[in-house]
Amino acid sequence: MPLTHTLQVQPLATAMSAQFHGAIAVGRQVTAPPHLYSRRMAVGRHRHTQIGVTVKGSRALVKVYTDVHLTVQQAAACYGMGLEPVIAMVSEYTVVMSDRPGWV
């Protein structure tokens, strides 16, 4: 059976060049050590030992602080009916980010 249709795949967005510049810092609040519970772990076939396992939710969250700028040259975007969910998600994320203090 001969192939009668060809599928052209185009990217959602293209750019000749993109440059990110700025600072990114990852931090965790200094708190008391996390709570541990003891768990039995096999070591080989006939031996085992007790290990300390962190209780879920007892460790401080990791936070990412950014001050990053993006410079794009010769940007182009593609649109199609199948891209509506993707574009909606990007739009929603942009609105969430724009509500944050310091977002330009």
PDB file of N, CA and C in Angstrom:
ATOM      1  N   MET A   1       0.846  -1.173   0.000  1.00  0.00           N
ATOM      2  CA  MET A   1       0.000   0.000   0.000  1.00  0.00           C
ATOM      3  C   MET A   1       0.895   1.241   0.000  1.00  0.00           C
ATOM      4  N   PRO A   2       0.769   2.110  -0.962  1.00  0.00           N
ATOM      5  CA  PRO A   2       1.634   3.289  -1.041  1.00  0.00           C
ATOM      6  C   PRO A   2       1.221   4.343  -0.011  1.00  0.00           C
ATOM      7  N   LEU A   3       2.206   5.116   0.416  1.00  0.00           N
ATOM      8  CA  LEU A   3       1.981   6.199   1.356  1.00  0.00           C
ATOM      9  C   LEU A   3       1.410   7.384   0.591  1.00  0.00           C
ATOM     10  N   THR A   4       0.226   7.833   0.996  1.00  0.00           N
ATOM     11  CA  THR A   4      -0.430   8.913   0.261  1.00  0.00           C
ATOM     12  C   THR A   4      -0.319  10.258   0.969  1.00  0.00           C
ATOM     13  N   HIS A   5      -0.075  10.242   2.273  1.00  0.00           N
ATOM     14  CA  HIS A   5       0.008  11.494   3.022  1.00  0.00           C
ATOM     15  C   HIS A   5       1.338  11.550   3.760  1.00  0.00           C
ATOM     16  N   THR A   6       1.886  12.730   3.822  1.00  0.00           N
ATOM     17  CA  THR A   6       3.093  12.915   4.627  1.00  0.00           C
ATOM     18  C   THR A   6       2.758  13.856   5.777  1.00  0.00           C
ATOM     19  N   LEU A   7       3.402  13.655   6.875  1.00  0.00           N
ATOM     20  CA  LEU A   7       3.169  14.460   8.066  1.00  0.00           C
ATOM     21  C   LEU A   7       4.323  15.425   8.241  1.00  0.00           C
ATOM     22  N   GLN A   8       4.001  16.700   8.287  1.00  0.00           N
ATOM     23  CA  GLN A   8       5.023  17.713   8.534  1.00  0.00           C
ATOM     24  C   GLN A   8       4.982  18.084  10.000  1.00  0.00           C
ATOM     25  N   VAL A   9       6.092  17.929  10.674  1.00  0.00           N
ATOM     26  CA  VAL A   9       6.176  18.259  12.092  1.00  0.00           C
ATOM     27  C   VAL A   9       6.922  19.585  12.221  1.00  0.00           C
ATOM     28  N   GLN A  10       6.295  20.531  12.916  1.00  0.00           N
ATOM     29  CA  GLN A  10       6.913  21.828  13.134  1.00  0.00           C
ATOM     30  C   GLN A  10       6.996  22.076  14.635  1.00  0.00           C
ATOM     31  N   PRO A  11       8.054  22.716  15.078  1.00  0.00           N
ATOM     32  CA  PRO A  11       8.174  22.999  16.510  1.00  0.00           C
ATOM     33  C   PRO A  11       7.189  24.076  16.955  1.00  0.00           C
ATOM     34  N   LEU A  12       6.876  24.084  18.245  1.00  0.00           N
ATOM     35  CA  LEU A  12       5.976  25.087  18.808  1.00  0.00           C
ATOM     36  C   LEU A  12       6.590  26.480  18.708  1.00  0.00           C
ATOM     37  N   ALA A  13       7.886  26.568  18.991  1.00  0.00           N
ATOM     38  CA  ALA A  13       8.577  27.861  18.930  1.00  0.00           C
ATOM     39  C   ALA A  13      10.021  27.637  18.512  1.00  0.00           C
ATOM     40  N   THR A  14      10.557  28.592  17.772  1.00  0.00           N
ATOM     41  CA  THR A  14      11.959  28.533  17.359  1.00  0.00           C
ATOM     42  C   THR A  14      12.596  29.889  17.596  1.00  0.00           C
ATOM     43  N   ALA A  15      13.916  29.883  17.657  1.00  0.00           N
ATOM     44  CA  ALA A  15      14.669  31.120  17.798  1.00  0.00           C
ATOM     45  C   ALA A  15      16.055  30.898  17.215  1.00  0.00           C
ATOM     46  N   MET A  16      16.602  31.947  16.639  1.00  0.00           N
ATOM     47  CA  MET A  16      17.961  31.853  16.113  1.00  0.00           C
ATOM     48  C   MET A  16      18.957  31.715  17.253  1.00  0.00           C
ATOM     49  N   SER A  17      18.717  32.450  18.352  1.00  0.00           N
ATOM     50  CA  SER A  17      19.564  32.312  19.535  1.00  0.00           C
ATOM     51  C   SER A  17      18.759  32.708  20.766  1.00  0.00           C
ATOM     52  N   ALA A  18      19.101  32.094  21.887  1.00  0.00           N
ATOM     53  CA  ALA A  18      18.486  32.416  23.171  1.00  0.00           C
ATOM     54  C   ALA A  18      19.590  32.429  24.214  1.00  0.00           C
ATOM     55  N   GLN A  19      19.561  33.429  25.064  1.00  0.00           N
ATOM     56  CA  GLN A  19      20.597  33.567  26.078  1.00  0.00           C
ATOM     57  C   GLN A  19      19.947  33.828  27.435  1.00  0.00           C
ATOM     58  N   PHE A  20      20.277  32.983  28.408  1.00  0.00           N
ATOM     59  CA  PHE A  20      19.856  33.177  29.779  1.00  0.00           C
ATOM     60  C   PHE A  20      21.030  33.761  30.549  1.00  0.00           C
ATOM     61  N   HIS A  21      20.770  34.752  31.370  1.00  0.00           N
ATOM     62  CA  HIS A  21      21.834  35.284  32.209  1.00  0.00           C
ATOM     63  C   HIS A  21      21.225  35.766  33.516  1.00  0.00           C
ATOM     64  N   GLY A  22      21.969  35.557  34.592  1.00  0.00           N
ATOM     65  CA  GLY A  22      21.498  35.950  35.912  1.00  0.00           C
ATOM     66  C   GLY A  22      21.972  34.974  36.963  1.00  0.00           C
ATOM     67  N   ALA A  23      21.368  35.059  38.121  1.00  0.00           N
ATOM     68  CA  ALA A  23      21.787  34.230  39.253  1.00  0.00           C
ATOM     69  C   ALA A  23      20.679  33.258  39.644  1.00  0.00           C
ATOM     70  N   ILE A  24      21.086  32.049  40.047  1.00  0.00           N
ATOM     71  CA  ILE A  24      20.172  31.039  40.574  1.00  0.00           C
ATOM     72  C   ILE A  24      20.771  30.535  41.880  1.00  0.00           C
ATOM     73  N   ALA A  25      19.976  30.512  42.924  1.00  0.00           N
ATOM     74  CA  ALA A  25      20.436  30.009  44.219  1.00  0.00           C
ATOM     75  C   ALA A  25      19.447  28.967  44.724  1.00  0.00           C
ATOM     76  N   VAL A  26      19.974  27.870  45.239  1.00  0.00           N
ATOM     77  CA  VAL A  26      19.159  26.810  45.814  1.00  0.00           C
ATOM     78  C   VAL A  26      19.454  26.775  47.301  1.00  0.00           C
ATOM     79  N   GLY A  27      18.403  26.790  48.113  1.00  0.00           N
ATOM     80  CA  GLY A  27      18.621  26.816  49.553  1.00  0.00           C
ATOM     81  C   GLY A  27      17.600  25.995  50.311  1.00  0.00           C
ATOM     82  N   ARG A  28      17.990  25.598  51.504  1.00  0.00           N
ATOM     83  CA  ARG A  28      17.100  24.872  52.406  1.00  0.00           C
ATOM     84  C   ARG A  28      17.210  25.540  53.769  1.00  0.00           C
ATOM     85  N   GLN A  29      16.094  25.768  54.408  1.00  0.00           N
ATOM     86  CA  GLN A  29      16.096  26.424  55.705  1.00  0.00           C
ATOM     87  C   GLN A  29      16.837  25.546  56.715  1.00  0.00           C
ATOM     88  N   VAL A  30      17.675  26.187  57.531  1.00  0.00           N
ATOM     89  CA  VAL A  30      18.402  25.453  58.558  1.00  0.00           C
ATOM     90  C   VAL A  30      17.442  25.215  59.718  1.00  0.00           C
ATOM     91  N   THR A  31      17.196  23.954  59.999  1.00  0.00           N
ATOM     92  CA  THR A  31      16.280  23.576  61.076  1.00  0.00           C
ATOM     93  C   THR A  31      16.920  22.467  61.894  1.00  0.00           C
ATOM     94  N   ALA A  32      16.175  21.969  62.846  1.00  0.00           N
ATOM     95  CA  ALA A  32      16.636  20.813  63.610  1.00  0.00           C
ATOM     96  C   ALA A  32      16.718  19.622  62.658  1.00  0.00           C
ATOM     97  N   PRO A  33      17.527  18.616  63.001  1.00  0.00           N
ATOM     98  CA  PRO A  33      17.614  17.434  62.125  1.00  0.00           C
ATOM     99  C   PRO A  33      16.235  16.804  61.932  1.00  0.00           C
ATOM    100  N   PRO A  34      15.981  16.207  60.773  1.00  0.00           N
ATOM    101  CA  PRO A  34      14.667  15.606  60.522  1.00  0.00           C
ATOM    102  C   PRO A  34      14.431  14.397  61.434  1.00  0.00           C
ATOM    103  N   HIS A  35      13.165  14.125  61.673  1.00  0.00           N
ATOM    104  CA  HIS A  35      12.796  12.962  62.482  1.00  0.00           C
ATOM    105  C   HIS A  35      13.116  11.689  61.706  1.00  0.00           C
ATOM    106  N   LEU A  36      13.591  10.679  62.419  1.00  0.00           N
ATOM    107  CA  LEU A  36      13.948   9.407  61.796  1.00  0.00           C
ATOM    108  C   LEU A  36      13.164   8.272  62.436  1.00  0.00           C
ATOM    109  N   TYR A  37      12.923   7.226  61.651  1.00  0.00           N
ATOM    110  CA  TYR A  37      12.418   5.983  62.211  1.00  0.00           C
ATOM    111  C   TYR A  37      13.370   4.876  61.779  1.00  0.00           C
ATOM    112  N   SER A  38      13.403   3.821  62.518  1.00  0.00           N
ATOM    113  CA  SER A  38      14.339   2.738  62.273  1.00  0.00           C
ATOM    114  C   SER A  38      13.706   1.704  61.341  1.00  0.00           C
ATOM    115  N   ARG A  39      14.483   1.253  60.372  1.00  0.00           N
ATOM    116  CA  ARG A  39      13.994   0.273  59.401  1.00  0.00           C
ATOM    117  C   ARG A  39      15.016  -0.844  59.256  1.00  0.00           C
ATOM    118  N   ARG A  40      14.561  -2.051  59.153  1.00  0.00           N
ATOM    119  CA  ARG A  40      15.435  -3.211  58.997  1.00  0.00           C
ATOM    120  C   ARG A  40      15.778  -3.372  57.515  1.00  0.00           C
ATOM    121  N   MET A  41      17.064  -3.473  57.210  1.00  0.00           N
ATOM    122  CA  MET A  41      17.513  -3.591  55.829  1.00  0.00           C
ATOM    123  C   MET A  41      18.422  -4.811  55.691  1.00  0.00           C
ATOM    124  N   ALA A  42      18.158  -5.616  54.676  1.00  0.00           N
ATOM    125  CA  ALA A  42      18.958  -6.819  54.442  1.00  0.00           C
ATOM    126  C   ALA A  42      20.340  -6.444  53.936  1.00  0.00           C
ATOM    127  N   VAL A  43      21.347  -7.147  54.460  1.00  0.00           N
ATOM    128  CA  VAL A  43      22.724  -6.995  54.004  1.00  0.00           C
ATOM    129  C   VAL A  43      23.184  -8.411  53.648  1.00  0.00           C
ATOM    130  N   GLY A  44      23.129  -8.715  52.381  1.00  0.00           N
ATOM    131  CA  GLY A  44      23.422 -10.094  51.966  1.00  0.00           C
ATOM    132  C   GLY A  44      22.207 -10.976  52.218  1.00  0.00           C
ATOM    133  N   ARG A  45      22.453 -12.285  52.276  1.00  0.00           N
ATOM    134  CA  ARG A  45      21.343 -13.228  52.399  1.00  0.00           C
ATOM    135  C   ARG A  45      20.952 -13.512  53.849  1.00  0.00           C
ATOM    136  N   HIS A  46      21.918 -13.527  54.760  1.00  0.00           N
ATOM    137  CA  HIS A  46      21.651 -13.976  56.121  1.00  0.00           C
ATOM    138  C   HIS A  46      21.810 -12.891  57.180  1.00  0.00           C
ATOM    139  N   ARG A  47      22.118 -11.701  56.799  1.00  0.00           N
ATOM    140  CA  ARG A  47      22.335 -10.632  57.774  1.00  0.00           C
ATOM    141  C   ARG A  47      21.423  -9.452  57.487  1.00  0.00           C
ATOM    142  N   HIS A  48      21.248  -8.635  58.495  1.00  0.00           N
ATOM    143  CA  HIS A  48      20.471  -7.411  58.343  1.00  0.00           C
ATOM    144  C   HIS A  48      20.975  -6.376  59.350  1.00  0.00           C
ATOM    145  N   THR A  49      20.585  -5.148  59.113  1.00  0.00           N
ATOM    146  CA  THR A  49      20.970  -4.062  60.004  1.00  0.00           C
ATOM    147  C   THR A  49      19.810  -3.079  60.105  1.00  0.00           C
ATOM    148  N   GLN A  50      19.872  -2.206  61.090  1.00  0.00           N
ATOM    149  CA  GLN A  50      18.861  -1.171  61.275  1.00  0.00           C
ATOM    150  C   GLN A  50      19.400   0.133  60.680  1.00  0.00           C
ATOM    151  N   ILE A  51      18.603   0.800  59.893  1.00  0.00           N
ATOM    152  CA  ILE A  51      19.005   2.088  59.319  1.00  0.00           C
ATOM    153  C   ILE A  51      17.975   3.146  59.708  1.00  0.00           C
ATOM    154  N   GLY A  52      18.421   4.380  59.788  1.00  0.00           N
ATOM    155  CA  GLY A  52      17.511   5.487  60.065  1.00  0.00           C
ATOM    156  C   GLY A  52      16.946   6.038  58.772  1.00  0.00           C
ATOM    157  N   VAL A  53      15.630   6.154  58.692  1.00  0.00           N
ATOM    158  CA  VAL A  53      14.952   6.669  57.496  1.00  0.00           C
ATOM    159  C   VAL A  53      14.197   7.923  57.888  1.00  0.00           C
ATOM    160  N   THR A  54      14.303   8.965  57.080  1.00  0.00           N
ATOM    161  CA  THR A  54      13.634  10.237  57.360  1.00  0.00           C
ATOM    162  C   THR A  54      12.120  10.091  57.277  1.00  0.00           C
ATOM    163  N   VAL A  55      11.435  10.617  58.278  1.00  0.00           N
ATOM    164  CA  VAL A  55       9.974  10.629  58.263  1.00  0.00           C
ATOM    165  C   VAL A  55       9.530  11.626  57.202  1.00  0.00           C
ATOM    166  N   LYS A  56       8.628  11.211  56.337  1.00  0.00           N
ATOM    167  CA  LYS A  56       8.174  12.059  55.230  1.00  0.00           C
ATOM    168  C   LYS A  56       7.569  13.360  55.763  1.00  0.00           C
ATOM    169  N   GLY A  57       8.013  14.474  55.205  1.00  0.00           N
ATOM    170  CA  GLY A  57       7.489  15.779  55.587  1.00  0.00           C
ATOM    171  C   GLY A  57       8.223  16.443  56.744  1.00  0.00           C
ATOM    172  N   SER A  58       9.224  15.775  57.318  1.00  0.00           N
ATOM    173  CA  SER A  58       9.926  16.369  58.462  1.00  0.00           C
ATOM    174  C   SER A  58      11.175  17.146  58.056  1.00  0.00           C
ATOM    175  N   ARG A  59      11.554  17.077  56.796  1.00  0.00           N
ATOM    176  CA  ARG A  59      12.738  17.794  56.309  1.00  0.00           C
ATOM    177  C   ARG A  59      12.291  19.127  55.702  1.00  0.00           C
ATOM    178  N   ALA A  60      13.090  20.158  55.884  1.00  0.00           N
ATOM    179  CA  ALA A  60      12.762  21.477  55.331  1.00  0.00           C
ATOM    180  C   ALA A  60      12.734  21.410  53.801  1.00  0.00           C
ATOM    181  N   LEU A  61      11.850  22.194  53.192  1.00  0.00           N
ATOM    182  CA  LEU A  61      11.717  22.204  51.740  1.00  0.00           C
ATOM    183  C   LEU A  61      12.898  22.901  51.080  1.00  0.00           C
ATOM    184  N   VAL A  62      13.224  22.465  49.866  1.00  0.00           N
ATOM    185  CA  VAL A  62      14.261  23.125  49.071  1.00  0.00           C
ATOM    186  C   VAL A  62      13.593  24.254  48.298  1.00  0.00           C
ATOM    187  N   LYS A  63      14.200  25.422  48.340  1.00  0.00           N
ATOM    188  CA  LYS A  63      13.660  26.577  47.614  1.00  0.00           C
ATOM    189  C   LYS A  63      14.668  27.031  46.576  1.00  0.00           C
ATOM    190  N   VAL A  64      14.166  27.490  45.439  1.00  0.00           N
ATOM    191  CA  VAL A  64      15.019  27.986  44.365  1.00  0.00           C
ATOM    192  C   VAL A  64      14.707  29.464  44.164  1.00  0.00           C
ATOM    193  N   TYR A  65      15.737  30.280  44.259  1.00  0.00           N
ATOM    194  CA  TYR A  65      15.606  31.721  44.062  1.00  0.00           C
ATOM    195  C   TYR A  65      16.301  32.081  42.752  1.00  0.00           C
ATOM    196  N   THR A  66      15.614  32.813  41.896  1.00  0.00           N
ATOM    197  CA  THR A  66      16.189  33.133  40.589  1.00  0.00           C
ATOM    198  C   THR A  66      16.069  34.623  40.296  1.00  0.00           C
ATOM    199  N   ASP A  67      17.021  35.103  39.555  1.00  0.00           N
ATOM    200  CA  ASP A  67      16.977  36.436  38.963  1.00  0.00           C
ATOM    201  C   ASP A  67      17.585  36.271  37.570  1.00  0.00           C
ATOM    202  N   VAL A  68      16.845  35.580  36.704  1.00  0.00           N
ATOM    203  CA  VAL A  68      17.349  35.195  35.389  1.00  0.00           C
ATOM    204  C   VAL A  68      16.606  35.983  34.317  1.00  0.00           C
ATOM    205  N   HIS A  69      17.353  36.451  33.341  1.00  0.00           N
ATOM    206  CA  HIS A  69      16.775  37.186  32.210  1.00  0.00           C
ATOM    207  C   HIS A  69      17.002  36.374  30.938  1.00  0.00           C
ATOM    208  N   LEU A  70      16.073  36.464  30.009  1.00  0.00           N
ATOM    209  CA  LEU A  70      16.146  35.729  28.750  1.00  0.00           C
ATOM    210  C   LEU A  70      16.163  36.730  27.605  1.00  0.00           C
ATOM    211  N   THR A  71      17.134  36.558  26.712  1.00  0.00           N
ATOM    212  CA  THR A  71      17.219  37.379  25.509  1.00  0.00           C
ATOM    213  C   THR A  71      17.091  36.455  24.306  1.00  0.00           C
ATOM    214  N   VAL A  72      16.130  36.728  23.420  1.00  0.00           N
ATOM    215  CA  VAL A  72      15.870  35.871  22.259  1.00  0.00           C
ATOM    216  C   VAL A  72      15.994  36.711  20.998  1.00  0.00           C
ATOM    217  N   GLN A  73      16.626  36.132  19.971  1.00  0.00           N
ATOM    218  CA  GLN A  73      16.723  36.803  18.676  1.00  0.00           C
ATOM    219  C   GLN A  73      16.030  35.960  17.623  1.00  0.00           C
ATOM    220  N   GLN A  74      15.300  36.609  16.754  1.00  0.00           N
ATOM    221  CA  GLN A  74      14.571  35.998  15.649  1.00  0.00           C
ATOM    222  C   GLN A  74      13.661  34.869  16.127  1.00  0.00           C
ATOM    223  N   ALA A  75      12.726  35.230  16.998  1.00  0.00           N
ATOM    224  CA  ALA A  75      11.787  34.246  17.539  1.00  0.00           C
ATOM    225  C   ALA A  75      10.623  34.047  16.567  1.00  0.00           C
ATOM    226  N   ALA A  76      10.125  32.821  16.508  1.00  0.00           N
ATOM    227  CA  ALA A  76       8.957  32.494  15.686  1.00  0.00           C
ATOM    228  C   ALA A  76       8.128  31.460  16.442  1.00  0.00           C
ATOM    229  N   ALA A  77       6.813  31.522  16.266  1.00  0.00           N
ATOM    230  CA  ALA A  77       5.922  30.582  16.937  1.00  0.00           C
ATOM    231  C   ALA A  77       5.024  29.916  15.913  1.00  0.00           C
ATOM    232  N   CYS A  78       4.604  28.716  16.216  1.00  0.00           N
ATOM    233  CA  CYS A  78       3.742  27.938  15.332  1.00  0.00           C
ATOM    234  C   CYS A  78       2.426  27.682  16.076  1.00  0.00           C
ATOM    235  N   TYR A  79       1.312  27.625  15.369  1.00  0.00           N
ATOM    236  CA  TYR A  79       0.033  27.392  16.016  1.00  0.00           C
ATOM    237  C   TYR A  79      -0.755  26.367  15.231  1.00  0.00           C
ATOM    238  N   GLY A  80      -1.434  25.520  15.968  1.00  0.00           N
ATOM    239  CA  GLY A  80      -2.336  24.543  15.368  1.00  0.00           C
ATOM    240  C   GLY A  80      -3.379  24.149  16.398  1.00  0.00           C
ATOM    241  N   MET A  81      -4.455  23.547  15.974  1.00  0.00           N
ATOM    242  CA  MET A  81      -5.538  23.165  16.880  1.00  0.00           C
ATOM    243  C   MET A  81      -5.045  22.219  17.980  1.00  0.00           C
ATOM    244  N   GLY A  82      -4.117  21.342  17.655  1.00  0.00           N
ATOM    245  CA  GLY A  82      -3.605  20.385  18.627  1.00  0.00           C
ATOM    246  C   GLY A  82      -2.732  21.025  19.691  1.00  0.00           C
ATOM    247  N   LEU A  83      -2.305  22.253  19.460  1.00  0.00           N
ATOM    248  CA  LEU A  83      -1.426  22.940  20.417  1.00  0.00           C
ATOM    249  C   LEU A  83      -2.191  23.738  21.467  1.00  0.00           C
ATOM    250  N   GLU A  84      -3.517  23.803  21.363  1.00  0.00           N
ATOM    251  CA  GLU A  84      -4.296  24.599  22.307  1.00  0.00           C
ATOM    252  C   GLU A  84      -4.067  24.203  23.763  1.00  0.00           C
ATOM    253  N   PRO A  85      -4.044  22.913  24.134  1.00  0.00           N
ATOM    254  CA  PRO A  85      -3.784  22.572  25.541  1.00  0.00           C
ATOM    255  C   PRO A  85      -2.406  23.028  26.011  1.00  0.00           C
ATOM    256  N   VAL A  86      -1.401  22.893  25.164  1.00  0.00           N
ATOM    257  CA  VAL A  86      -0.044  23.297  25.533  1.00  0.00           C
ATOM    258  C   VAL A  86       0.016  24.803  25.725  1.00  0.00           C
ATOM    259  N   ILE A  87      -0.552  25.555  24.808  1.00  0.00           N
ATOM    260  CA  ILE A  87      -0.539  27.018  24.900  1.00  0.00           C
ATOM    261  C   ILE A  87      -1.321  27.472  26.126  1.00  0.00           C
ATOM    262  N   ALA A  88      -2.417  26.799  26.459  1.00  0.00           N
ATOM    263  CA  ALA A  88      -3.196  27.140  27.652  1.00  0.00           C
ATOM    264  C   ALA A  88      -2.376  26.921  28.918  1.00  0.00           C
ATOM    265  N   MET A  89      -1.614  25.820  28.970  1.00  0.00           N
ATOM    266  CA  MET A  89      -0.782  25.556  30.144  1.00  0.00           C
ATOM    267  C   MET A  89       0.330  26.587  30.278  1.00  0.00           C
ATOM    268  N   VAL A  90       0.967  26.955  29.166  1.00  0.00           N
ATOM    269  CA  VAL A  90       2.024  27.971  29.206  1.00  0.00           C
ATOM    270  C   VAL A  90       1.443  29.301  29.651  1.00  0.00           C
ATOM    271  N   SER A  91       0.267  29.644  29.146  1.00  0.00           N
ATOM    272  CA  SER A  91      -0.389  30.894  29.525  1.00  0.00           C
ATOM    273  C   SER A  91      -0.730  30.896  31.011  1.00  0.00           C
ATOM    274  N   GLU A  92      -1.251  29.788  31.512  1.00  0.00           N
ATOM    275  CA  GLU A  92      -1.601  29.691  32.930  1.00  0.00           C
ATOM    276  C   GLU A  92      -0.362  29.826  33.811  1.00  0.00           C
ATOM    277  N   TYR A  93       0.734  29.187  33.418  1.00  0.00           N
ATOM    278  CA  TYR A  93       1.974  29.264  34.185  1.00  0.00           C
ATOM    279  C   TYR A  93       2.521  30.688  34.186  1.00  0.00           C
ATOM    280  N   THR A  94       2.406  31.380  33.057  1.00  0.00           N
ATOM    281  CA  THR A  94       2.878  32.758  32.968  1.00  0.00           C
ATOM    282  C   THR A  94       2.083  33.655  33.903  1.00  0.00           C
ATOM    283  N   VAL A  95       0.785  33.444  34.006  1.00  0.00           N
ATOM    284  CA  VAL A  95      -0.048  34.236  34.916  1.00  0.00           C
ATOM    285  C   VAL A  95       0.363  33.968  36.355  1.00  0.00           C
ATOM    286  N   VAL A  96       0.607  32.708  36.702  1.00  0.00           N
ATOM    287  CA  VAL A  96       1.030  32.369  38.063  1.00  0.00           C
ATOM    288  C   VAL A  96       2.357  33.043  38.375  1.00  0.00           C
ATOM    289  N   MET A  97       3.305  33.003  37.443  1.00  0.00           N
ATOM    290  CA  MET A  97       4.614  33.612  37.663  1.00  0.00           C
ATOM    291  C   MET A  97       4.517  35.134  37.750  1.00  0.00           C
ATOM    292  N   SER A  98       3.610  35.738  36.997  1.00  0.00           N
ATOM    293  CA  SER A  98       3.514  37.197  36.999  1.00  0.00           C
ATOM    294  C   SER A  98       2.911  37.727  38.295  1.00  0.00           C
ATOM    295  N   ASP A  99       2.220  36.870  39.061  1.00  0.00           N
ATOM    296  CA  ASP A  99       1.656  37.287  40.346  1.00  0.00           C
ATOM    297  C   ASP A  99       2.703  37.316  41.446  1.00  0.00           C
ATOM    298  N   ARG A 100       3.878  36.752  41.185  1.00  0.00           N
ATOM    299  CA  ARG A 100       4.930  36.719  42.202  1.00  0.00           C
ATOM    300  C   ARG A 100       5.633  38.063  42.280  1.00  0.00           C
ATOM    301  N   PRO A 101       6.008  38.476  43.499  1.00  0.00           N
ATOM    302  CA  PRO A 101       6.739  39.743  43.631  1.00  0.00           C
ATOM    303  C   PRO A 101       8.101  39.672  42.918  1.00  0.00           C
ATOM    304  N   GLY A 102       8.483  40.741  42.285  1.00  0.00           N
ATOM    305  CA  GLY A 102       9.781  40.799  41.623  1.00  0.00           C
ATOM    306  C   GLY A 102       9.764  40.277  40.201  1.00  0.00           C
ATOM    307  N   TRP A 103       8.632  39.774  39.715  1.00  0.00           N
ATOM    308  CA  TRP A 103       8.544  39.260  38.344  1.00  0.00           C
ATOM    309  C   TRP A 103       8.395  40.432  37.401  1.00  0.00           C
ATOM    310  N   VAL A 104       9.249  40.493  36.409  1.00  0.00           N
ATOM    311  CA  VAL A 104       9.219  41.625  35.472  1.00  0.00           C
ATOM    312  C   VAL A 104       8.470  41.212  34.225  1.00  0.00           C
TER     313      VAL A 104
END
